[in-house]
Amino acid sequence: MEKLGAGNKKIKQIQSWQRSAKDRREAGIFIVEGTKMYKEAPSEWIKEVYFTQKVLAELGEPGNVPCYLVEDSVFEKISDTQTPQGVLTVLRRPEYDIDKIITGNTGDEAQLLLLLENIQDPGNLGTILRVGEAAGVTGIIMTKGTVDIFNPKVVRSTMGSIYRMPFAFTEDVCETINRMKKAGVTTYAAHLHGSEVYTEYDYSKPTVFMIGNEGNGLTDAATEMADKRLLIPMEGSVESLNAGIATAVLIYEAHRQRA
């Protein structure tokens, strides 16, 4: 196994990828850190792995991908975390067909989708992927204005769900909503001025919850296209929930109805 120093071009490339979404996108990769994310990564996605000596001794060397050994001090330079775990994995980006996400599988399972419009907080997006997997969401579609799903903070927040949750991007949210409607998916807009409390609707059939930007909510154009506007009731002086919590409330109601 090759040992790399701080000046090695691969080390400098990792540092560039950690800083730049554009560089990651052009290279078609994303980066994960830590033992859990390394162990759960689909083998066909892995391009290369970087280990410290201690972690390599604990995990062993994988035999089918390029691996590199780095000193602890060098690993700190390529890590995006305050407490590096000693293993960093570079992976190919997965690609999913947006039409297959919208139309769902050929089995009996009805689609349970999320349409995210301009979500900005990495923690929110990561949480949405994680809770989405837990509640049975079958796919997520994001507008181009949403934070980079391969942002290291988003990836960490997913706790591995990024490996298992199908997702796609759209440049035209209204056109995507139309495609959903044609596929028989009922579109629900989470809205402060919803006409009915969210528990009053039937989510047993193909369903998409539309979640908007943390500060501004859904755009008027997306809201007007929704089949229904739903309301999450709140007590006290609270005006709204953050996007991750609002999503969890809605999809777990769908999960309850489908159980």
C-alpha atoms as a PDB file:
ATOM      1  CA  MET A   1       0.000   0.000   0.000  1.00  0.00           C
ATOM      2  CA  GLU A   2       1.377   3.388  -0.991  1.00  0.00           C
ATOM      3  CA  LYS A   3       2.036   5.896   1.760  1.00  0.00           C
ATOM      4  CA  LEU A   4       1.254   9.505   0.868  1.00  0.00           C
ATOM      5  CA  GLY A   5       2.797  12.667   2.264  1.00  0.00           C
ATOM      6  CA  ALA A   6       1.203  16.076   2.695  1.00  0.00           C
ATOM      7  CA  GLY A   7       2.574  17.306  -0.636  1.00  0.00           C
ATOM      8  CA  ASN A   8       1.255  14.415  -2.700  1.00  0.00           C
ATOM      9  CA  LYS A   9      -1.092  15.439  -5.525  1.00  0.00           C
ATOM     10  CA  LYS A  10      -3.766  13.007  -4.297  1.00  0.00           C
ATOM     11  CA  ILE A  11      -3.762  14.659  -0.890  1.00  0.00           C
ATOM     12  CA  LYS A  12      -4.104  18.080  -2.515  1.00  0.00           C
ATOM     13  CA  GLN A  13      -6.936  16.749  -4.685  1.00  0.00           C
ATOM     14  CA  ILE A  14      -8.850  15.499  -1.621  1.00  0.00           C
ATOM     15  CA  GLN A  15      -8.428  18.914   0.003  1.00  0.00           C
ATOM     16  CA  SER A  16      -9.804  20.573  -3.125  1.00  0.00           C
ATOM     17  CA  TRP A  17     -12.779  18.212  -3.244  1.00  0.00           C
ATOM     18  CA  GLN A  18     -13.546  18.868   0.410  1.00  0.00           C
ATOM     19  CA  ARG A  19     -13.674  22.616  -0.236  1.00  0.00           C
ATOM     20  CA  SER A  20     -15.389  22.804  -3.608  1.00  0.00           C
ATOM     21  CA  ALA A  21     -18.785  21.474  -4.659  1.00  0.00           C
ATOM     22  CA  LYS A  22     -17.879  22.389  -8.239  1.00  0.00           C
ATOM     23  CA  ASP A  23     -14.735  20.256  -8.146  1.00  0.00           C
ATOM     24  CA  ARG A  24     -16.639  17.309  -6.676  1.00  0.00           C
ATOM     25  CA  ARG A  25     -19.331  17.639  -9.304  1.00  0.00           C
ATOM     26  CA  GLU A  26     -16.873  17.806 -12.182  1.00  0.00           C
ATOM     27  CA  ALA A  27     -15.070  14.729 -10.870  1.00  0.00           C
ATOM     28  CA  GLY A  28     -18.345  12.860 -10.352  1.00  0.00           C
ATOM     29  CA  ILE A  29     -17.438  11.943  -6.792  1.00  0.00           C
ATOM     30  CA  PHE A  30     -18.368  12.511  -3.176  1.00  0.00           C
ATOM     31  CA  ILE A  31     -16.490  11.884   0.054  1.00  0.00           C
ATOM     32  CA  VAL A  32     -17.497  10.091   3.234  1.00  0.00           C
ATOM     33  CA  GLU A  33     -15.603   9.793   6.483  1.00  0.00           C
ATOM     34  CA  GLY A  34     -15.685   7.333   9.340  1.00  0.00           C
ATOM     35  CA  THR A  35     -15.868   3.589   9.861  1.00  0.00           C
ATOM     36  CA  LYS A  36     -19.659   3.303   9.606  1.00  0.00           C
ATOM     37  CA  MET A  37     -19.838   5.151   6.308  1.00  0.00           C
ATOM     38  CA  TYR A  38     -16.918   3.121   4.943  1.00  0.00           C
ATOM     39  CA  LYS A  39     -18.430  -0.220   5.939  1.00  0.00           C
ATOM     40  CA  GLU A  40     -21.892   0.584   4.576  1.00  0.00           C
ATOM     41  CA  ALA A  41     -20.721   2.056   1.259  1.00  0.00           C
ATOM     42  CA  PRO A  42     -21.823   0.019  -1.781  1.00  0.00           C
ATOM     43  CA  SER A  43     -18.664  -1.658  -3.054  1.00  0.00           C
ATOM     44  CA  GLU A  44     -19.381  -0.691  -6.661  1.00  0.00           C
ATOM     45  CA  TRP A  45     -19.390   3.010  -5.702  1.00  0.00           C
ATOM     46  CA  ILE A  46     -15.968   3.019  -4.020  1.00  0.00           C
ATOM     47  CA  LYS A  47     -13.097   4.581  -5.990  1.00  0.00           C
ATOM     48  CA  GLU A  48     -10.383   4.768  -3.322  1.00  0.00           C
ATOM     49  CA  VAL A  49      -9.841   4.740   0.438  1.00  0.00           C
ATOM     50  CA  TYR A  50      -7.425   6.610   2.710  1.00  0.00           C
ATOM     51  CA  PHE A  51      -6.434   5.109   6.077  1.00  0.00           C
ATOM     52  CA  THR A  52      -4.347   5.994   9.082  1.00  0.00           C
ATOM     53  CA  GLN A  53      -2.140   3.152  10.313  1.00  0.00           C
ATOM     54  CA  LYS A  54      -4.269   2.526  13.408  1.00  0.00           C
ATOM     55  CA  VAL A  55      -7.557   2.256  11.547  1.00  0.00           C
ATOM     56  CA  LEU A  56      -6.031   0.139   8.796  1.00  0.00           C
ATOM     57  CA  ALA A  57      -4.878  -2.343  11.440  1.00  0.00           C
ATOM     58  CA  GLU A  58      -8.424  -2.484  12.838  1.00  0.00           C
ATOM     59  CA  LEU A  59     -10.321  -2.753   9.545  1.00  0.00           C
ATOM     60  CA  GLY A  60      -7.873  -4.515   7.270  1.00  0.00           C
ATOM     61  CA  GLU A  61      -7.102  -3.640   3.692  1.00  0.00           C
ATOM     62  CA  PRO A  62      -9.875  -4.111   1.132  1.00  0.00           C
ATOM     63  CA  GLY A  63      -8.546  -6.103  -1.761  1.00  0.00           C
ATOM     64  CA  ASN A  64     -10.519  -4.679  -4.663  1.00  0.00           C
ATOM     65  CA  VAL A  65     -10.007  -0.883  -4.525  1.00  0.00           C
ATOM     66  CA  PRO A  66      -6.976   1.454  -4.445  1.00  0.00           C
ATOM     67  CA  CYS A  67      -5.989   2.249  -0.851  1.00  0.00           C
ATOM     68  CA  TYR A  68      -3.510   4.735   0.588  1.00  0.00           C
ATOM     69  CA  LEU A  69      -1.864   5.120   3.972  1.00  0.00           C
ATOM     70  CA  VAL A  70      -1.410   8.563   5.514  1.00  0.00           C
ATOM     71  CA  GLU A  71       0.044   9.832   8.771  1.00  0.00           C
ATOM     72  CA  ASP A  72      -2.383  11.162  11.383  1.00  0.00           C
ATOM     73  CA  SER A  73      -1.151  14.707  10.773  1.00  0.00           C
ATOM     74  CA  VAL A  74      -1.834  14.372   7.043  1.00  0.00           C
ATOM     75  CA  PHE A  75      -5.240  12.835   7.636  1.00  0.00           C
ATOM     76  CA  GLU A  76      -6.189  15.888   9.698  1.00  0.00           C
ATOM     77  CA  LYS A  77      -5.472  18.028   6.637  1.00  0.00           C
ATOM     78  CA  ILE A  78      -7.820  16.066   4.375  1.00  0.00           C
ATOM     79  CA  SER A  79     -10.580  15.515   6.934  1.00  0.00           C
ATOM     80  CA  ASP A  80     -13.661  17.746   7.116  1.00  0.00           C
ATOM     81  CA  THR A  81     -14.352  16.836  10.764  1.00  0.00           C
ATOM     82  CA  GLN A  82     -12.929  18.165  14.025  1.00  0.00           C
ATOM     83  CA  THR A  83     -12.234  14.651  15.298  1.00  0.00           C
ATOM     84  CA  PRO A  84     -11.098  12.570  12.289  1.00  0.00           C
ATOM     85  CA  GLN A  85     -11.889   8.859  12.472  1.00  0.00           C
ATOM     86  CA  GLY A  86      -8.972   7.696  10.368  1.00  0.00           C
ATOM     87  CA  VAL A  87     -10.734   6.452   7.251  1.00  0.00           C
ATOM     88  CA  LEU A  88     -11.880   8.544   4.276  1.00  0.00           C
ATOM     89  CA  THR A  89     -13.622   7.046   1.250  1.00  0.00           C
ATOM     90  CA  VAL A  90     -14.004   8.569  -2.202  1.00  0.00           C
ATOM     91  CA  LEU A  91     -17.102   7.302  -4.020  1.00  0.00           C
ATOM     92  CA  ARG A  92     -18.699   7.627  -7.430  1.00  0.00           C
ATOM     93  CA  ARG A  93     -21.926   9.592  -7.426  1.00  0.00           C
ATOM     94  CA  PRO A  94     -25.018   7.476  -7.941  1.00  0.00           C
ATOM     95  CA  GLU A  95     -27.478   8.355 -10.680  1.00  0.00           C
ATOM     96  CA  TYR A  96     -31.204   7.691 -10.493  1.00  0.00           C
ATOM     97  CA  ASP A  97     -33.920   8.036 -13.116  1.00  0.00           C
ATOM     98  CA  ILE A  98     -36.380  10.734 -12.070  1.00  0.00           C
ATOM     99  CA  ASP A  99     -39.202   9.051 -13.999  1.00  0.00           C
ATOM    100  CA  LYS A 100     -38.666   5.784 -12.133  1.00  0.00           C
ATOM    101  CA  ILE A 101     -38.736   7.662  -8.838  1.00  0.00           C
ATOM    102  CA  ILE A 102     -42.012   9.332  -9.796  1.00  0.00           C
ATOM    103  CA  THR A 103     -43.742   6.218 -11.122  1.00  0.00           C
ATOM    104  CA  GLY A 104     -42.453   3.930  -8.381  1.00  0.00           C
ATOM    105  CA  ASN A 105     -41.758   0.222  -8.405  1.00  0.00           C
ATOM    106  CA  THR A 106     -43.845  -2.310 -10.258  1.00  0.00           C
ATOM    107  CA  GLY A 107     -44.919  -3.932  -6.991  1.00  0.00           C
ATOM    108  CA  ASP A 108     -47.830  -3.082  -4.726  1.00  0.00           C
ATOM    109  CA  GLU A 109     -46.040  -0.343  -2.792  1.00  0.00           C
ATOM    110  CA  ALA A 110     -47.536   3.102  -3.418  1.00  0.00           C
ATOM    111  CA  GLN A 111     -45.025   5.879  -3.908  1.00  0.00           C
ATOM    112  CA  LEU A 112     -44.258   8.063  -0.896  1.00  0.00           C
ATOM    113  CA  LEU A 113     -42.197  10.925  -2.275  1.00  0.00           C
ATOM    114  CA  LEU A 114     -40.678  14.188  -1.126  1.00  0.00           C
ATOM    115  CA  LEU A 115     -40.274  17.226  -3.344  1.00  0.00           C
ATOM    116  CA  LEU A 116     -37.818  19.642  -1.739  1.00  0.00           C
ATOM    117  CA  GLU A 117     -37.736  23.204  -3.011  1.00  0.00           C
ATOM    118  CA  ASN A 118     -34.618  25.246  -2.216  1.00  0.00           C
ATOM    119  CA  ILE A 119     -33.778  23.643   1.134  1.00  0.00           C
ATOM    120  CA  GLN A 120     -30.608  25.419   2.289  1.00  0.00           C
ATOM    121  CA  ASP A 121     -29.476  23.932   5.587  1.00  0.00           C
ATOM    122  CA  PRO A 122     -27.170  20.889   5.214  1.00  0.00           C
ATOM    123  CA  GLY A 123     -28.352  19.439   8.510  1.00  0.00           C
ATOM    124  CA  ASN A 124     -31.980  19.703   7.410  1.00  0.00           C
ATOM    125  CA  LEU A 125     -31.342  17.930   4.130  1.00  0.00           C
ATOM    126  CA  GLY A 126     -29.319  15.165   5.762  1.00  0.00           C
ATOM    127  CA  THR A 127     -31.991  14.678   8.409  1.00  0.00           C
ATOM    128  CA  ILE A 128     -34.699  14.518   5.738  1.00  0.00           C
ATOM    129  CA  LEU A 129     -32.874  11.699   3.935  1.00  0.00           C
ATOM    130  CA  ARG A 130     -32.354   9.796   7.171  1.00  0.00           C
ATOM    131  CA  VAL A 131     -35.897  10.149   8.517  1.00  0.00           C
ATOM    132  CA  GLY A 132     -37.226   9.552   5.011  1.00  0.00           C
ATOM    133  CA  GLU A 133     -35.582   6.153   4.879  1.00  0.00           C
ATOM    134  CA  ALA A 134     -36.871   5.352   8.370  1.00  0.00           C
ATOM    135  CA  ALA A 135     -40.466   6.266   7.468  1.00  0.00           C
ATOM    136  CA  GLY A 136     -40.577   4.449   4.140  1.00  0.00           C
ATOM    137  CA  VAL A 137     -40.095   7.304   1.668  1.00  0.00           C
ATOM    138  CA  THR A 138     -39.468   5.775  -1.761  1.00  0.00           C
ATOM    139  CA  GLY A 139     -37.679   8.718  -3.390  1.00  0.00           C
ATOM    140  CA  ILE A 140     -36.696  12.368  -3.059  1.00  0.00           C
ATOM    141  CA  ILE A 141     -36.647  15.035  -5.772  1.00  0.00           C
ATOM    142  CA  MET A 142     -34.845  18.327  -5.186  1.00  0.00           C
ATOM    143  CA  THR A 143     -34.753  21.612  -7.033  1.00  0.00           C
ATOM    144  CA  LYS A 144     -31.396  22.883  -8.252  1.00  0.00           C
ATOM    145  CA  GLY A 145     -31.571  25.593  -5.581  1.00  0.00           C
ATOM    146  CA  THR A 146     -31.345  23.001  -2.819  1.00  0.00           C
ATOM    147  CA  VAL A 147     -28.056  22.652  -0.937  1.00  0.00           C
ATOM    148  CA  ASP A 148     -25.601  20.183  -2.508  1.00  0.00           C
ATOM    149  CA  ILE A 149     -26.632  16.713  -1.354  1.00  0.00           C
ATOM    150  CA  PHE A 150     -22.964  15.701  -1.526  1.00  0.00           C
ATOM    151  CA  ASN A 151     -21.902  18.483   0.844  1.00  0.00           C
ATOM    152  CA  PRO A 152     -19.851  16.748   3.585  1.00  0.00           C
ATOM    153  CA  LYS A 153     -22.207  18.032   6.295  1.00  0.00           C
ATOM    154  CA  VAL A 154     -25.240  16.672   4.443  1.00  0.00           C
ATOM    155  CA  VAL A 155     -23.528  13.324   3.906  1.00  0.00           C
ATOM    156  CA  ARG A 156     -22.639  13.027   7.608  1.00  0.00           C
ATOM    157  CA  SER A 157     -26.177  13.926   8.650  1.00  0.00           C
ATOM    158  CA  THR A 158     -27.661  11.135   6.532  1.00  0.00           C
ATOM    159  CA  MET A 159     -25.829   8.518   8.626  1.00  0.00           C
ATOM    160  CA  GLY A 160     -25.658   6.238   5.586  1.00  0.00           C
ATOM    161  CA  SER A 161     -29.128   6.866   4.165  1.00  0.00           C
ATOM    162  CA  ILE A 162     -27.545   8.580   1.160  1.00  0.00           C
ATOM    163  CA  TYR A 163     -26.541   5.069   0.046  1.00  0.00           C
ATOM    164  CA  ARG A 164     -30.100   3.771   0.073  1.00  0.00           C
ATOM    165  CA  MET A 165     -32.464   6.649  -0.707  1.00  0.00           C
ATOM    166  CA  PRO A 166     -33.110   7.241  -4.426  1.00  0.00           C
ATOM    167  CA  PHE A 167     -32.917  10.932  -5.308  1.00  0.00           C
ATOM    168  CA  ALA A 168     -32.936  13.158  -8.349  1.00  0.00           C
ATOM    169  CA  PHE A 169     -32.831  16.835  -9.278  1.00  0.00           C
ATOM    170  CA  THR A 170     -35.182  19.032 -11.245  1.00  0.00           C
ATOM    171  CA  GLU A 171     -34.662  22.375 -12.955  1.00  0.00           C
ATOM    172  CA  ASP A 172     -38.396  22.978 -13.413  1.00  0.00           C
ATOM    173  CA  VAL A 173     -40.427  22.273 -10.294  1.00  0.00           C
ATOM    174  CA  CYS A 174     -43.772  22.986 -11.972  1.00  0.00           C
ATOM    175  CA  GLU A 175     -43.038  20.593 -14.825  1.00  0.00           C
ATOM    176  CA  THR A 176     -42.081  17.933 -12.271  1.00  0.00           C
ATOM    177  CA  ILE A 177     -45.289  18.447 -10.336  1.00  0.00           C
ATOM    178  CA  ASN A 178     -47.214  17.986 -13.596  1.00  0.00           C
ATOM    179  CA  ARG A 179     -45.366  14.721 -14.239  1.00  0.00           C
ATOM    180  CA  MET A 180     -46.285  13.525 -10.773  1.00  0.00           C
ATOM    181  CA  LYS A 181     -49.929  14.327 -11.299  1.00  0.00           C
ATOM    182  CA  LYS A 182     -49.952  12.467 -14.606  1.00  0.00           C
ATOM    183  CA  ALA A 183     -48.449   9.469 -12.785  1.00  0.00           C
ATOM    184  CA  GLY A 184     -51.355   9.510 -10.322  1.00  0.00           C
ATOM    185  CA  VAL A 185     -49.425  10.989  -7.405  1.00  0.00           C
ATOM    186  CA  THR A 186     -51.402  13.344  -5.153  1.00  0.00           C
ATOM    187  CA  THR A 187     -49.392  16.477  -4.373  1.00  0.00           C
ATOM    188  CA  TYR A 188     -49.576  17.930  -0.858  1.00  0.00           C
ATOM    189  CA  ALA A 189     -48.034  21.315  -0.083  1.00  0.00           C
ATOM    190  CA  ALA A 190     -46.911  21.865   3.502  1.00  0.00           C
ATOM    191  CA  HIS A 191     -48.170  25.395   4.034  1.00  0.00           C
ATOM    192  CA  LEU A 192     -48.786  27.810   6.903  1.00  0.00           C
ATOM    193  CA  HIS A 193     -52.177  28.568   5.374  1.00  0.00           C
ATOM    194  CA  GLY A 194     -53.209  25.001   4.703  1.00  0.00           C
ATOM    195  CA  SER A 195     -56.918  24.313   4.433  1.00  0.00           C
ATOM    196  CA  GLU A 196     -56.922  21.125   6.544  1.00  0.00           C
ATOM    197  CA  VAL A 197     -54.817  19.664   9.340  1.00  0.00           C
ATOM    198  CA  TYR A 198     -52.421  17.078   7.908  1.00  0.00           C
ATOM    199  CA  THR A 199     -54.077  14.177   9.776  1.00  0.00           C
ATOM    200  CA  GLU A 200     -57.309  14.668   7.798  1.00  0.00           C
ATOM    201  CA  TYR A 201     -55.880  13.387   4.512  1.00  0.00           C
ATOM    202  CA  ASP A 202     -55.444   9.874   3.136  1.00  0.00           C
ATOM    203  CA  TYR A 203     -51.832   9.069   2.284  1.00  0.00           C
ATOM    204  CA  SER A 204     -52.294   5.391   1.503  1.00  0.00           C
ATOM    205  CA  LYS A 205     -52.235   6.088  -2.239  1.00  0.00           C
ATOM    206  CA  PRO A 206     -49.279   7.542  -4.215  1.00  0.00           C
ATOM    207  CA  THR A 207     -48.306  10.683  -2.328  1.00  0.00           C
ATOM    208  CA  VAL A 208     -45.761  13.480  -2.497  1.00  0.00           C
ATOM    209  CA  PHE A 209     -45.143  15.997   0.254  1.00  0.00           C
ATOM    210  CA  MET A 210     -43.792  19.307  -1.034  1.00  0.00           C
ATOM    211  CA  ILE A 211     -41.445  21.015   1.437  1.00  0.00           C
ATOM    212  CA  GLY A 212     -40.179  24.540   0.879  1.00  0.00           C
ATOM    213  CA  ASN A 213     -37.261  26.735   1.836  1.00  0.00           C
ATOM    214  CA  GLU A 214     -36.641  27.209   5.570  1.00  0.00           C
ATOM    215  CA  GLY A 215     -37.212  30.956   5.478  1.00  0.00           C
ATOM    216  CA  ASN A 216     -39.701  31.455   2.675  1.00  0.00           C
ATOM    217  CA  GLY A 217     -41.527  28.144   2.355  1.00  0.00           C
ATOM    218  CA  LEU A 218     -42.703  26.918  -1.031  1.00  0.00           C
ATOM    219  CA  THR A 219     -42.787  29.321  -3.942  1.00  0.00           C
ATOM    220  CA  ASP A 220     -46.197  30.569  -4.994  1.00  0.00           C
ATOM    221  CA  ALA A 221     -45.873  28.719  -8.292  1.00  0.00           C
ATOM    222  CA  ALA A 222     -45.345  25.361  -6.586  1.00  0.00           C
ATOM    223  CA  THR A 223     -48.003  26.002  -3.962  1.00  0.00           C
ATOM    224  CA  GLU A 224     -50.637  26.880  -6.556  1.00  0.00           C
ATOM    225  CA  MET A 225     -50.034  23.601  -8.376  1.00  0.00           C
ATOM    226  CA  ALA A 226     -50.531  21.429  -5.301  1.00  0.00           C
ATOM    227  CA  ASP A 227     -53.662  19.302  -5.142  1.00  0.00           C
ATOM    228  CA  LYS A 228     -54.036  20.102  -1.446  1.00  0.00           C
ATOM    229  CA  ARG A 229     -52.470  22.408   1.118  1.00  0.00           C
ATOM    230  CA  LEU A 230     -52.020  20.885   4.522  1.00  0.00           C
ATOM    231  CA  LEU A 231     -51.430  22.467   7.890  1.00  0.00           C
ATOM    232  CA  ILE A 232     -49.374  21.302  10.861  1.00  0.00           C
ATOM    233  CA  PRO A 233     -51.093  22.877  13.878  1.00  0.00           C
ATOM    234  CA  MET A 234     -48.882  24.618  16.462  1.00  0.00           C
ATOM    235  CA  GLU A 235     -49.433  25.968  19.948  1.00  0.00           C
ATOM    236  CA  GLY A 236     -47.887  28.931  21.718  1.00  0.00           C
ATOM    237  CA  SER A 237     -45.996  31.538  19.738  1.00  0.00           C
ATOM    238  CA  VAL A 238     -44.294  29.122  17.359  1.00  0.00           C
ATOM    239  CA  GLU A 239     -44.900  30.179  13.755  1.00  0.00           C
ATOM    240  CA  SER A 240     -43.351  27.240  11.926  1.00  0.00           C
ATOM    241  CA  LEU A 241     -41.211  24.126  12.245  1.00  0.00           C
ATOM    242  CA  ASN A 242     -37.898  23.633  10.519  1.00  0.00           C
ATOM    243  CA  ALA A 243     -37.973  21.654   7.313  1.00  0.00           C
ATOM    244  CA  GLY A 244     -36.559  18.465   8.810  1.00  0.00           C
ATOM    245  CA  ILE A 245     -39.066  18.301  11.655  1.00  0.00           C
ATOM    246  CA  ALA A 246     -42.032  19.230   9.448  1.00  0.00           C
ATOM    247  CA  THR A 247     -41.055  16.486   7.027  1.00  0.00           C
ATOM    248  CA  ALA A 248     -40.794  13.948   9.842  1.00  0.00           C
ATOM    249  CA  VAL A 249     -44.266  14.816  11.129  1.00  0.00           C
ATOM    250  CA  LEU A 250     -45.852  14.361   7.706  1.00  0.00           C
ATOM    251  CA  ILE A 251     -44.111  11.216   6.539  1.00  0.00           C
ATOM    252  CA  TYR A 252     -44.658   9.423   9.827  1.00  0.00           C
ATOM    253  CA  GLU A 253     -48.374  10.099   9.520  1.00  0.00           C
ATOM    254  CA  ALA A 254     -48.189   8.473   6.086  1.00  0.00           C
ATOM    255  CA  HIS A 255     -46.211   5.614   7.608  1.00  0.00           C
ATOM    256  CA  ARG A 256     -48.849   5.161  10.314  1.00  0.00           C
ATOM    257  CA  GLN A 257     -51.641   5.027   7.763  1.00  0.00           C
ATOM    258  CA  ARG A 258     -49.765   2.501   5.624  1.00  0.00           C
ATOM    259  CA  ALA A 259     -48.717   0.190   8.469  1.00  0.00           C
END
